[in-house]
Amino acid sequence: MPARPPSAFVSNICETLARLGDVRARRMFGGYGISCDGLTFALVADETLYFKVDATNRAAHEALGLEPFRPFADKPTALSYHPPPDSALDDPDELLDWARPALEAALRAAAAKRSKRTRKTVAAG
């Protein structure tokens, strides 16, 4: 069966964020993972965009009361993804201002994973 094309919302997000690099959407868990140059930095669930956060950019989201993504309504689990403010969805430049720190957070997370793997390999060797 051929893959279903992304929704108009997801396609618009990818087009808007294309200034960051090669931005693509991939179906995952009933939603979409949004990646730039192969690195996932955002997701879309129920037509809501969420950006990757870490200690560096989380405060900007929390200061506006932007709640983290909770994949299961009946469980307290929250992922390290927060939505941008609604105004960013209407302003491509503002959306990019929220996307850039998310991409940087994803880069830091990927670097930390690589570093952890390297330490394990060295310790095992």
C-alpha atoms as a PDB file:
ATOM      1  CA  MET A   1       0.000   0.000   0.000  1.00  0.00           C
ATOM      2  CA  PRO A   2       1.480   3.409  -0.933  1.00  0.00           C
ATOM      3  CA  ALA A   3       2.358   5.856   1.823  1.00  0.00           C
ATOM      4  CA  ARG A   4      -0.277   8.436   2.638  1.00  0.00           C
ATOM      5  CA  PRO A   5       0.881  11.974   1.864  1.00  0.00           C
ATOM      6  CA  PRO A   6       1.244  14.360   4.808  1.00  0.00           C
ATOM      7  CA  SER A   7      -1.692  16.571   5.732  1.00  0.00           C
ATOM      8  CA  ALA A   8      -1.823  20.124   4.404  1.00  0.00           C
ATOM      9  CA  PHE A   9      -0.819  21.322   7.894  1.00  0.00           C
ATOM     10  CA  VAL A  10       2.305  19.132   7.945  1.00  0.00           C
ATOM     11  CA  SER A  11       3.216  20.054   4.365  1.00  0.00           C
ATOM     12  CA  ASN A  12       2.893  23.754   5.209  1.00  0.00           C
ATOM     13  CA  ILE A  13       5.127  23.344   8.275  1.00  0.00           C
ATOM     14  CA  CYS A  14       7.789  21.604   6.170  1.00  0.00           C
ATOM     15  CA  GLU A  15       7.648  24.290   3.478  1.00  0.00           C
ATOM     16  CA  THR A  16       7.892  27.062   6.059  1.00  0.00           C
ATOM     17  CA  LEU A  17      10.858  25.452   7.814  1.00  0.00           C
ATOM     18  CA  ALA A  18      12.711  24.586   4.596  1.00  0.00           C
ATOM     19  CA  ARG A  19      15.003  27.584   5.131  1.00  0.00           C
ATOM     20  CA  LEU A  20      16.675  25.500   7.871  1.00  0.00           C
ATOM     21  CA  GLY A  21      17.771  22.759   5.460  1.00  0.00           C
ATOM     22  CA  ASP A  22      16.289  19.572   4.019  1.00  0.00           C
ATOM     23  CA  VAL A  23      13.064  19.421   6.078  1.00  0.00           C
ATOM     24  CA  ARG A  24      10.959  16.281   5.758  1.00  0.00           C
ATOM     25  CA  ALA A  25       7.992  14.690   7.492  1.00  0.00           C
ATOM     26  CA  ARG A  26       7.849  10.995   8.311  1.00  0.00           C
ATOM     27  CA  ARG A  27       4.846   9.111   9.677  1.00  0.00           C
ATOM     28  CA  MET A  28       5.399   7.909  13.217  1.00  0.00           C
ATOM     29  CA  PHE A  29       3.001   6.657  15.862  1.00  0.00           C
ATOM     30  CA  GLY A  30      -0.097   8.186  14.286  1.00  0.00           C
ATOM     31  CA  GLY A  31       1.591  11.556  13.761  1.00  0.00           C
ATOM     32  CA  TYR A  32       4.685  12.858  12.018  1.00  0.00           C
ATOM     33  CA  GLY A  33       8.301  13.350  12.930  1.00  0.00           C
ATOM     34  CA  ILE A  34       9.768  16.488  11.330  1.00  0.00           C
ATOM     35  CA  SER A  35      13.468  16.280  10.550  1.00  0.00           C
ATOM     36  CA  CYS A  36      16.057  18.631   9.137  1.00  0.00           C
ATOM     37  CA  ASP A  37      18.995  17.048   7.346  1.00  0.00           C
ATOM     38  CA  GLY A  38      18.017  13.712   8.902  1.00  0.00           C
ATOM     39  CA  LEU A  39      17.729  14.935  12.508  1.00  0.00           C
ATOM     40  CA  THR A  40      14.271  14.920  14.140  1.00  0.00           C
ATOM     41  CA  PHE A  41      13.630  18.241  15.880  1.00  0.00           C
ATOM     42  CA  ALA A  42       9.827  18.487  15.843  1.00  0.00           C
ATOM     43  CA  LEU A  43       6.725  16.380  15.717  1.00  0.00           C
ATOM     44  CA  VAL A  44       3.095  16.813  14.770  1.00  0.00           C
ATOM     45  CA  ALA A  45       0.340  15.027  16.679  1.00  0.00           C
ATOM     46  CA  ASP A  46      -3.355  15.739  16.167  1.00  0.00           C
ATOM     47  CA  GLU A  47      -2.462  18.661  13.891  1.00  0.00           C
ATOM     48  CA  THR A  48      -0.410  20.309  16.662  1.00  0.00           C
ATOM     49  CA  LEU A  49       3.260  21.158  16.123  1.00  0.00           C
ATOM     50  CA  TYR A  50       5.751  20.477  18.917  1.00  0.00           C
ATOM     51  CA  PHE A  51       9.434  21.461  18.959  1.00  0.00           C
ATOM     52  CA  LYS A  52      12.287  19.655  20.736  1.00  0.00           C
ATOM     53  CA  VAL A  53      13.287  21.295  24.014  1.00  0.00           C
ATOM     54  CA  ASP A  54      16.103  20.858  26.490  1.00  0.00           C
ATOM     55  CA  ALA A  55      17.525  22.870  29.382  1.00  0.00           C
ATOM     56  CA  THR A  56      18.598  25.623  26.981  1.00  0.00           C
ATOM     57  CA  ASN A  57      15.238  26.440  25.358  1.00  0.00           C
ATOM     58  CA  ARG A  58      12.601  24.936  27.692  1.00  0.00           C
ATOM     59  CA  ALA A  59      12.181  28.133  29.743  1.00  0.00           C
ATOM     60  CA  ALA A  60      11.013  30.140  26.713  1.00  0.00           C
ATOM     61  CA  HIS A  61       8.148  27.690  26.194  1.00  0.00           C
ATOM     62  CA  GLU A  62       7.283  27.390  29.881  1.00  0.00           C
ATOM     63  CA  ALA A  63       7.262  31.185  30.325  1.00  0.00           C
ATOM     64  CA  LEU A  64       4.330  31.288  27.892  1.00  0.00           C
ATOM     65  CA  GLY A  65       2.560  28.366  29.582  1.00  0.00           C
ATOM     66  CA  LEU A  66       3.191  26.062  26.605  1.00  0.00           C
ATOM     67  CA  GLU A  67       2.664  22.525  27.904  1.00  0.00           C
ATOM     68  CA  PRO A  68       4.811  19.556  26.827  1.00  0.00           C
ATOM     69  CA  PHE A  69       3.514  16.871  24.497  1.00  0.00           C
ATOM     70  CA  ARG A  70       1.775  14.097  26.389  1.00  0.00           C
ATOM     71  CA  PRO A  71       1.297  11.087  24.113  1.00  0.00           C
ATOM     72  CA  PHE A  72      -1.168   9.364  26.447  1.00  0.00           C
ATOM     73  CA  ALA A  73      -4.006  11.388  27.956  1.00  0.00           C
ATOM     74  CA  ASP A  74      -4.416   8.893  30.810  1.00  0.00           C
ATOM     75  CA  LYS A  75      -0.712   8.885  31.816  1.00  0.00           C
ATOM     76  CA  PRO A  76       1.569  11.612  33.199  1.00  0.00           C
ATOM     77  CA  THR A  77       4.352  10.907  30.693  1.00  0.00           C
ATOM     78  CA  ALA A  78       5.541  14.085  28.967  1.00  0.00           C
ATOM     79  CA  LEU A  79       8.041  14.191  26.123  1.00  0.00           C
ATOM     80  CA  SER A  80      10.686  16.862  25.638  1.00  0.00           C
ATOM     81  CA  TYR A  81       8.638  18.582  22.933  1.00  0.00           C
ATOM     82  CA  HIS A  82       6.609  21.776  23.431  1.00  0.00           C
ATOM     83  CA  PRO A  83       4.435  23.710  20.996  1.00  0.00           C
ATOM     84  CA  PRO A  84       5.347  27.170  19.769  1.00  0.00           C
ATOM     85  CA  PRO A  85       2.866  29.971  20.511  1.00  0.00           C
ATOM     86  CA  ASP A  86      -0.149  30.076  18.183  1.00  0.00           C
ATOM     87  CA  SER A  87       1.096  33.366  16.718  1.00  0.00           C
ATOM     88  CA  ALA A  88       4.140  31.545  15.277  1.00  0.00           C
ATOM     89  CA  LEU A  89       1.915  29.417  13.065  1.00  0.00           C
ATOM     90  CA  ASP A  90       0.749  32.590  11.313  1.00  0.00           C
ATOM     91  CA  ASP A  91       4.206  34.172  10.961  1.00  0.00           C
ATOM     92  CA  PRO A  92       6.917  32.209   9.099  1.00  0.00           C
ATOM     93  CA  ASP A  93       9.743  34.289  10.594  1.00  0.00           C
ATOM     94  CA  GLU A  94       8.448  33.764  14.127  1.00  0.00           C
ATOM     95  CA  LEU A  95       8.055  30.033  13.468  1.00  0.00           C
ATOM     96  CA  LEU A  96      11.691  29.880  12.367  1.00  0.00           C
ATOM     97  CA  ASP A  97      12.675  31.740  15.551  1.00  0.00           C
ATOM     98  CA  TRP A  98      11.122  28.868  17.554  1.00  0.00           C
ATOM     99  CA  ALA A  99      12.420  26.140  15.234  1.00  0.00           C
ATOM    100  CA  ARG A 100      16.103  27.108  15.352  1.00  0.00           C
ATOM    101  CA  PRO A 101      16.530  26.472  19.116  1.00  0.00           C
ATOM    102  CA  ALA A 102      14.656  23.162  18.679  1.00  0.00           C
ATOM    103  CA  LEU A 103      17.081  22.095  15.979  1.00  0.00           C
ATOM    104  CA  GLU A 104      19.978  23.101  18.230  1.00  0.00           C
ATOM    105  CA  ALA A 105      18.445  21.030  21.076  1.00  0.00           C
ATOM    106  CA  ALA A 106      18.196  18.028  18.742  1.00  0.00           C
ATOM    107  CA  LEU A 107      21.834  18.511  17.715  1.00  0.00           C
ATOM    108  CA  ARG A 108      22.914  18.601  21.379  1.00  0.00           C
ATOM    109  CA  ALA A 109      20.899  15.441  22.128  1.00  0.00           C
ATOM    110  CA  ALA A 110      22.466  13.631  19.165  1.00  0.00           C
ATOM    111  CA  ALA A 111      25.963  14.717  20.227  1.00  0.00           C
ATOM    112  CA  ALA A 112      25.320  13.515  23.791  1.00  0.00           C
ATOM    113  CA  LYS A 113      24.180  10.112  22.469  1.00  0.00           C
ATOM    114  CA  ARG A 114      27.314   9.802  20.318  1.00  0.00           C
ATOM    115  CA  SER A 115      29.519  10.767  23.264  1.00  0.00           C
ATOM    116  CA  LYS A 116      27.798   8.235  25.529  1.00  0.00           C
ATOM    117  CA  ARG A 117      28.258   5.469  22.927  1.00  0.00           C
ATOM    118  CA  THR A 118      31.930   6.378  22.526  1.00  0.00           C
ATOM    119  CA  ARG A 119      32.487   6.211  26.309  1.00  0.00           C
ATOM    120  CA  LYS A 120      30.811   2.768  26.441  1.00  0.00           C
ATOM    121  CA  THR A 121      32.968   1.512  23.559  1.00  0.00           C
ATOM    122  CA  VAL A 122      36.171   2.799  25.203  1.00  0.00           C
ATOM    123  CA  ALA A 123      35.177   1.318  28.587  1.00  0.00           C
ATOM    124  CA  ALA A 124      34.396  -2.054  26.992  1.00  0.00           C
ATOM    125  CA  GLY A 125      37.638  -2.095  25.014  1.00  0.00           C
END
